[in-house]
């Protein structure tokens, strides 16, 4: 049998997760569908609650704007849905902002764990549209919390490294004072406080996870690494905001999924917050160089740095290592090259999705 995280860890997770009923609110997104597939493989019974609107099918298929990547991302999202369908993972198409409807669906699932993923998943978009960000982040969170507060359920909340604000050159630990910058980080920090309040008032057990700079197959958020690869495959310049020295703790999706599975499985995760990253801040220039090695002809352009983006870097993952046995396996050179390989396969098999002219199709293969 093929292992996902290694034979010993897979065995431990299968023993702890077998038969667990897990509701993923916002689970048809990039993180959620990968997590659902892993949980199913490990013997759990995940079910997904998602409106398919926020950063999903509805956002890229309504035809009201001229997003040049719409057809590409609709293709990625359809791949997600196909994978979930093939594995028999139930999908409840529900707007989590509707308390009554969400409540009925969560009652039908009867989960012993709820993973809250519903949110606007991009800091730049959050700053441009604060109302929508609040509506799809805090309102959905409060609804989910209130729907399960009377159950003996475990609530896993997806926060962000953005809650820390500027790292100031340190490897930030979970007990550091949080000083978020901008709408996205502030709402994530507010979400953490609300989750903790439900524990204080109702005894709802929780785990808060703080990922950073995620990347991997079938993402549609066009974070920095994705933008680098898409531009390079198409023969366009790679653009960097700032001088490229900014560091991020780039994290491959499989490592984050391992950490979430451990957070659900291990009693030690209850009522704790964890950084779940690779644990090594790397510069934008490091990432650009990996792209340049694969696409030697690309040009790199530098634009003005976004002042609302905090200066980040490495997150300490020692707490997750010691309490959960978390063991990420994908340094940037491994994970990002795997991501480039996947894009090259897309370019080779479906060049029309990337809009590749004939002379670039061969280069992408």
Protein backbone atom coordinates (compact mmCIF):
# COMPACT_ATOMS: atom_id res chain seq x y z
CA UNK A 1 0.00 0.00 0.00
CA UNK A 2 1.29 3.44 -0.94
CA UNK A 3 2.04 5.58 2.09
CA UNK A 4 1.10 9.23 2.34
CA UNK A 5 3.29 10.45 5.20
CA UNK A 6 5.45 7.39 5.85
CA UNK A 7 4.49 3.92 7.06
CA UNK A 8 4.73 4.58 10.81
CA UNK A 9 2.90 7.92 10.76
CA UNK A 10 0.21 6.58 8.42
CA UNK A 11 -0.39 3.65 10.79
CA UNK A 12 -0.71 6.01 13.78
CA UNK A 13 -3.12 8.28 11.91
CA UNK A 14 -5.25 5.40 10.63
CA UNK A 15 -5.70 4.09 14.16
CA UNK A 16 -6.72 7.52 15.45
CA UNK A 17 -8.86 8.68 12.51
CA UNK A 18 -10.75 5.50 11.55
CA UNK A 19 -14.46 6.24 11.41
CA UNK A 20 -14.11 9.86 12.57
CA UNK A 21 -16.90 12.09 11.22
CA UNK A 22 -15.24 15.31 10.08
CA UNK A 23 -17.06 18.30 8.57
CA UNK A 24 -14.94 20.64 6.45
CA UNK A 25 -16.66 24.04 6.22
CA UNK A 26 -15.29 25.65 3.08
CA UNK A 27 -13.75 22.29 2.26
CA UNK A 28 -13.95 22.40 -1.54
CA UNK A 29 -11.11 24.90 -1.72
CA UNK A 30 -7.40 24.33 -2.23
CA UNK A 31 -6.61 23.23 1.32
CA UNK A 32 -9.94 21.58 2.01
CA UNK A 33 -10.11 19.19 -0.93
CA UNK A 34 -6.53 18.02 -0.33
CA UNK A 35 -7.32 17.53 3.36
CA UNK A 36 -10.55 15.65 2.59
CA UNK A 37 -8.75 13.26 0.23
CA UNK A 38 -6.07 12.54 2.85
CA UNK A 39 -8.61 12.00 5.65
CA UNK A 40 -10.62 9.60 3.49
CA UNK A 41 -7.47 7.68 2.61
CA UNK A 42 -6.62 7.39 6.31
CA UNK A 43 -10.00 5.91 7.21
CA UNK A 44 -11.95 8.96 8.37
CA UNK A 45 -15.36 9.99 7.04
CA UNK A 46 -15.01 13.58 5.83
CA UNK A 47 -17.91 15.57 4.43
CA UNK A 48 -17.60 18.96 2.76
CA UNK A 49 -19.81 22.02 3.24
CA UNK A 50 -19.11 24.69 0.62
CA UNK A 51 -21.02 27.22 -1.50
CA UNK A 52 -18.51 26.86 -4.39
CA UNK A 53 -18.55 30.67 -4.68
CA UNK A 54 -15.64 32.24 -2.77
CA UNK A 55 -12.38 31.72 -4.66
CA UNK A 56 -14.11 28.75 -6.28
CA UNK A 57 -16.28 27.79 -9.23
CA UNK A 58 -18.69 30.72 -8.97
CA UNK A 59 -15.90 33.27 -8.74
CA UNK A 60 -14.34 32.16 -12.03
CA UNK A 61 -17.40 31.17 -14.08
CA UNK A 62 -19.80 34.12 -13.69
CA UNK A 63 -18.37 35.95 -16.72
CA UNK A 64 -18.71 39.41 -15.14
CA UNK A 65 -15.01 40.23 -15.29
CA UNK A 66 -12.14 39.50 -17.65
CA UNK A 67 -9.92 37.35 -15.44
CA UNK A 68 -7.36 35.94 -17.90
CA UNK A 69 -6.99 32.79 -15.80
CA UNK A 70 -10.71 32.00 -15.49
CA UNK A 71 -10.75 28.98 -17.82
CA UNK A 72 -7.53 27.62 -16.31
CA UNK A 73 -8.82 27.87 -12.75
CA UNK A 74 -12.25 26.47 -13.60
CA UNK A 75 -10.33 23.48 -14.97
CA UNK A 76 -8.40 23.12 -11.71
CA UNK A 77 -11.58 23.39 -9.64
CA UNK A 78 -13.34 20.79 -11.76
CA UNK A 79 -10.38 18.47 -11.15
CA UNK A 80 -10.90 18.95 -7.39
CA UNK A 81 -14.60 18.15 -7.63
CA UNK A 82 -13.91 15.11 -9.80
CA UNK A 83 -11.37 13.76 -7.32
CA UNK A 84 -13.81 14.23 -4.43
CA UNK A 85 -16.59 12.54 -6.40
CA UNK A 86 -14.37 9.61 -7.35
CA UNK A 87 -13.61 9.01 -3.66
CA UNK A 88 -17.26 9.25 -2.68
CA UNK A 89 -16.74 12.26 -0.39
CA UNK A 90 -20.13 13.98 0.16
CA UNK A 91 -20.41 17.64 -0.87
CA UNK A 92 -23.11 19.82 0.70
CA UNK A 93 -23.50 22.94 -1.45
CA UNK A 94 -24.38 25.37 1.32
CA UNK A 95 -23.69 29.06 1.98
CA UNK A 96 -22.17 29.04 5.46
CA UNK A 97 -23.43 32.60 6.01
CA UNK A 98 -26.95 31.14 6.30
CA UNK A 99 -27.15 30.00 9.91
CA UNK A 100 -30.31 27.91 9.62
CA UNK A 101 -29.22 26.01 6.52
CA UNK A 102 -25.70 25.44 7.84
CA UNK A 103 -27.13 24.19 11.13
CA UNK A 104 -29.33 21.59 9.41
CA UNK A 105 -26.48 20.25 7.31
CA UNK A 106 -24.06 20.04 10.23
CA UNK A 107 -26.73 18.25 12.24
CA UNK A 108 -27.11 15.70 9.43
CA UNK A 109 -23.34 15.13 9.35
CA UNK A 110 -23.19 14.82 13.16
CA UNK A 111 -19.44 15.59 13.20
CA UNK A 112 -17.06 14.88 16.04
CA UNK A 113 -14.65 17.39 14.43
CA UNK A 114 -15.35 20.57 12.45
CA UNK A 115 -12.57 22.16 10.39
CA UNK A 116 -13.32 25.81 9.63
CA UNK A 117 -11.77 26.82 6.29
CA UNK A 118 -14.42 29.22 4.97
CA UNK A 119 -12.82 32.61 4.35
CA UNK A 120 -11.49 35.03 1.78
CA UNK A 121 -8.10 33.39 1.29
CA UNK A 122 -5.95 36.26 0.06
CA UNK A 123 -4.66 39.33 1.93
CA UNK A 124 -4.70 41.66 -1.08
CA UNK A 125 -8.33 40.82 -1.86
CA UNK A 126 -9.26 41.27 1.79
CA UNK A 127 -7.84 44.80 1.86
CA UNK A 128 -9.73 45.72 -1.32
CA UNK A 129 -13.10 44.39 -0.12
CA UNK A 130 -13.32 44.46 3.71
CA UNK A 131 -17.10 43.91 3.86
CA UNK A 132 -17.03 40.74 1.79
CA UNK A 133 -14.02 39.52 3.75
CA UNK A 134 -15.86 39.98 7.05
CA UNK A 135 -19.01 38.41 5.60
CA UNK A 136 -17.25 35.27 4.39
CA UNK A 137 -14.77 34.99 7.28
CA UNK A 138 -16.18 36.15 10.62
CA UNK A 139 -19.87 35.54 9.86
CA UNK A 140 -19.26 31.99 8.65
CA UNK A 141 -17.00 31.33 11.64
CA UNK A 142 -19.56 32.54 14.17
CA UNK A 143 -22.27 30.46 12.50
CA UNK A 144 -20.15 27.31 12.54
CA UNK A 145 -19.14 27.82 16.17
CA UNK A 146 -22.70 28.39 17.29
CA UNK A 147 -23.99 25.38 15.34
CA UNK A 148 -21.67 23.01 17.20
CA UNK A 149 -21.29 24.66 20.62
CA UNK A 150 -23.62 22.13 22.25
CA UNK A 151 -21.79 19.11 20.81
CA UNK A 152 -18.74 17.36 22.14
CA UNK A 153 -16.92 18.30 18.95
CA UNK A 154 -13.38 19.42 18.26
CA UNK A 155 -13.18 22.73 16.36
CA UNK A 156 -10.14 23.33 14.13
CA UNK A 157 -9.76 26.95 13.00
CA UNK A 158 -7.55 28.00 10.11
CA UNK A 159 -5.80 31.21 11.06
CA UNK A 160 -2.66 32.59 9.39
CA UNK A 161 0.92 33.68 9.99
CA UNK A 162 -0.41 37.17 9.16
CA UNK A 163 -1.67 37.47 12.76
CA UNK A 164 1.92 38.08 13.92
CA UNK A 165 2.48 41.21 11.83
CA UNK A 166 6.16 41.97 11.25
CA UNK A 167 8.46 39.17 12.35
CA UNK A 168 11.39 41.52 13.03
CA UNK A 169 13.94 38.91 12.01
CA UNK A 170 12.86 36.32 14.56
CA UNK A 171 11.58 32.77 14.12
CA UNK A 172 8.17 33.49 15.60
CA UNK A 173 6.72 31.19 18.23
CA UNK A 174 3.05 30.73 19.01
CA UNK A 175 3.18 32.68 22.29
CA UNK A 176 4.50 35.81 20.63
CA UNK A 177 2.34 38.96 20.95
CA UNK A 178 0.27 39.31 17.76
CA UNK A 179 0.16 42.70 16.00
CA UNK A 180 -1.52 42.06 12.63
CA UNK A 181 -1.37 44.55 9.77
CA UNK A 182 -4.31 45.05 7.41
CA UNK A 183 -7.82 43.60 7.15
CA UNK A 184 -6.89 39.94 6.55
CA UNK A 185 -4.57 39.55 9.54
CA UNK A 186 -6.89 41.49 11.84
CA UNK A 187 -9.88 39.28 11.00
CA UNK A 188 -7.84 36.10 11.44
CA UNK A 189 -6.71 37.31 14.88
CA UNK A 190 -10.29 38.25 15.77
CA UNK A 191 -11.34 34.76 14.67
CA UNK A 192 -8.82 33.19 17.02
CA UNK A 193 -10.18 35.23 19.92
CA UNK A 194 -13.75 34.20 19.08
CA UNK A 195 -12.80 30.52 18.98
CA UNK A 196 -11.09 30.83 22.37
CA UNK A 197 -14.15 32.63 23.76
CA UNK A 198 -16.40 29.71 22.75
CA UNK A 199 -14.04 27.43 24.66
CA UNK A 200 -14.22 29.69 27.72
CA UNK A 201 -18.00 30.01 27.67
CA UNK A 202 -19.17 26.65 26.27
CA UNK A 203 -16.19 24.33 26.76
CA UNK A 204 -15.79 23.82 23.00
CA UNK A 205 -12.39 22.22 22.44
CA UNK A 206 -10.36 23.84 19.66
CA UNK A 207 -7.11 23.84 17.75
CA UNK A 208 -5.85 26.97 15.99
CA UNK A 209 -3.46 26.46 13.08
CA UNK A 210 -1.30 29.14 11.50
CA UNK A 211 -0.02 28.23 8.03
CA UNK A 212 2.11 30.44 5.78
CA UNK A 213 2.79 30.91 2.06
CA UNK A 214 1.08 27.74 0.86
CA UNK A 215 1.59 26.34 -2.60
CA UNK A 216 0.65 23.20 -4.50
CA UNK A 217 -1.43 21.56 -7.17
CA UNK A 218 -4.90 22.85 -8.04
CA UNK A 219 -4.56 26.15 -6.16
CA UNK A 220 -6.41 29.08 -7.75
CA UNK A 221 -5.40 31.91 -5.38
CA UNK A 222 -2.46 32.94 -7.58
CA UNK A 223 -0.13 33.39 -4.67
CA UNK A 224 3.43 34.39 -5.49
CA UNK A 225 4.83 30.97 -6.44
CA UNK A 226 1.85 30.21 -8.65
CA UNK A 227 2.20 33.56 -10.41
CA UNK A 228 5.92 32.89 -10.97
CA UNK A 229 5.26 29.51 -12.60
CA UNK A 230 2.31 30.63 -14.73
CA UNK A 231 4.27 33.59 -16.06
CA UNK A 232 7.34 31.46 -16.76
CA UNK A 233 5.40 28.71 -18.55
CA UNK A 234 3.76 31.35 -20.74
CA UNK A 235 7.04 33.10 -21.49
CA UNK A 236 6.09 36.24 -19.57
CA UNK A 237 8.37 38.13 -17.16
CA UNK A 238 8.36 37.05 -13.51
CA UNK A 239 7.53 40.04 -11.31
CA UNK A 240 8.72 40.54 -7.73
CA UNK A 241 7.36 43.23 -5.41
CA UNK A 242 10.41 44.74 -3.74
CA UNK A 243 14.05 43.73 -4.11
CA UNK A 244 13.32 40.02 -3.59
CA UNK A 245 14.94 39.77 -0.17
CA UNK A 246 11.58 39.37 1.61
CA UNK A 247 11.43 35.89 3.13
CA UNK A 248 8.42 33.64 3.55
CA UNK A 249 8.05 30.23 5.17
CA UNK A 250 6.90 28.56 1.93
CA UNK A 251 4.91 25.42 2.73
CA UNK A 252 3.92 22.62 0.34
CA UNK A 253 0.32 21.52 0.71
CA UNK A 254 1.19 17.91 1.68
CA UNK A 255 3.12 19.12 4.73
CA UNK A 256 0.24 21.27 5.93
CA UNK A 257 -2.21 18.38 5.42
CA UNK A 258 0.03 16.16 7.54
CA UNK A 259 -0.07 18.75 10.33
CA UNK A 260 -3.87 19.07 10.19
CA UNK A 261 -4.35 15.30 10.28
CA UNK A 262 -2.13 15.16 13.37
CA UNK A 263 -4.05 18.07 14.93
CA UNK A 264 -7.31 16.17 14.52
CA UNK A 265 -5.87 12.83 15.65
CA UNK A 266 -3.79 13.83 18.68
CA UNK A 267 -5.36 14.76 22.03
CA UNK A 268 -2.28 16.94 22.66
CA UNK A 269 -3.58 19.36 20.01
CA UNK A 270 -6.66 20.32 22.00
CA UNK A 271 -6.90 23.97 23.08
CA UNK A 272 -3.57 24.82 21.46
CA UNK A 273 -2.31 27.01 18.61
CA UNK A 274 0.29 25.67 16.18
CA UNK A 275 2.48 27.06 13.44
CA UNK A 276 2.20 24.52 10.60
CA UNK A 277 4.81 25.42 7.99
CA UNK A 278 8.04 23.94 6.69
CA UNK A 279 9.91 25.95 9.33
CA UNK A 280 12.45 27.74 7.12
CA UNK A 281 11.97 31.24 5.72
CA UNK A 282 13.20 31.57 2.13
CA UNK A 283 13.49 34.70 0.02
CA UNK A 284 11.46 35.53 -3.06
CA UNK A 285 14.79 35.56 -4.91
CA UNK A 286 15.36 31.92 -3.85
CA UNK A 287 12.03 30.96 -5.37
CA UNK A 288 12.69 32.98 -8.53
CA UNK A 289 16.04 31.23 -8.98
CA UNK A 290 14.37 27.82 -8.91
CA UNK A 291 12.07 29.03 -11.66
CA UNK A 292 15.03 30.42 -13.62
CA UNK A 293 16.81 27.05 -13.42
CA UNK A 294 13.79 25.44 -15.08
CA UNK A 295 13.11 28.31 -17.50
CA UNK A 296 16.50 29.93 -18.24
CA UNK A 297 15.08 32.49 -20.68
CA UNK A 298 12.71 34.21 -18.26
CA UNK A 299 13.07 37.86 -17.32
CA UNK A 300 12.67 39.00 -13.71
CA UNK A 301 11.15 42.42 -13.04
CA UNK A 302 10.94 44.25 -9.73
CA UNK A 303 7.93 46.37 -8.74
CA UNK A 304 7.16 48.52 -5.70
CA UNK A 305 6.66 46.58 -2.48
CA UNK A 306 3.16 46.43 -0.95
CA UNK A 307 3.45 48.29 2.35
CA UNK A 308 0.44 46.46 3.81
CA UNK A 309 2.28 43.13 3.61
CA UNK A 310 4.18 42.50 6.85
CA UNK A 311 7.84 41.55 6.80
CA UNK A 312 7.73 37.87 7.57
CA UNK A 313 10.21 34.98 7.61
CA UNK A 314 10.54 31.72 9.55
CA UNK A 315 7.87 30.32 11.85
CA UNK A 316 9.08 28.06 14.63
CA UNK A 317 7.48 24.60 14.32
CA UNK A 318 9.10 23.13 17.45
CA UNK A 319 5.81 23.06 19.34
CA UNK A 320 4.11 21.02 16.59
CA UNK A 321 7.16 18.72 16.36
CA UNK A 322 7.24 18.01 20.08
CA UNK A 323 3.50 17.75 20.83
CA UNK A 324 2.21 16.25 17.57
CA UNK A 325 5.17 14.55 15.93
CA UNK A 326 4.86 16.93 12.96
CA UNK A 327 7.59 16.21 10.39
CA UNK A 328 7.38 18.27 7.16
CA UNK A 329 9.12 16.63 4.21
CA UNK A 330 9.23 19.29 1.50
CA UNK A 331 11.94 21.96 1.50
CA UNK A 332 11.42 24.58 -1.20
CA UNK A 333 13.68 22.82 -3.70
CA UNK A 334 11.63 19.63 -3.47
CA UNK A 335 8.10 20.95 -3.15
CA UNK A 336 8.37 23.82 -5.61
CA UNK A 337 9.99 21.67 -8.28
CA UNK A 338 7.13 19.17 -7.85
CA UNK A 339 4.71 22.06 -8.36
CA UNK A 340 6.55 23.16 -11.52
CA UNK A 341 6.48 19.55 -12.79
CA UNK A 342 2.71 19.50 -12.35
CA UNK A 343 2.26 22.75 -14.27
CA UNK A 344 4.45 21.42 -17.06
CA UNK A 345 2.21 18.36 -17.30
CA UNK A 346 -0.83 20.64 -17.54
CA UNK A 347 0.93 22.66 -20.26
CA UNK A 348 1.77 19.48 -22.16
CA UNK A 349 -1.61 17.78 -21.85
CA UNK A 350 -3.90 20.82 -22.00
CA UNK A 351 -1.92 23.71 -23.53
CA UNK A 352 -5.10 25.59 -24.40
CA UNK A 353 -5.82 26.10 -20.67
CA UNK A 354 -2.61 28.08 -20.25
CA UNK A 355 -3.07 29.81 -23.58
CA UNK A 356 0.31 28.61 -24.80
CA UNK A 357 1.41 29.39 -28.33
CA UNK A 358 2.88 26.48 -30.26
CA UNK A 359 6.51 27.54 -29.74
CA UNK A 360 6.13 27.41 -25.93
CA UNK A 361 4.28 24.11 -25.73
CA UNK A 362 7.41 22.08 -26.44
CA UNK A 363 9.44 24.07 -23.91
CA UNK A 364 6.90 23.28 -21.20
CA UNK A 365 7.00 19.54 -21.80
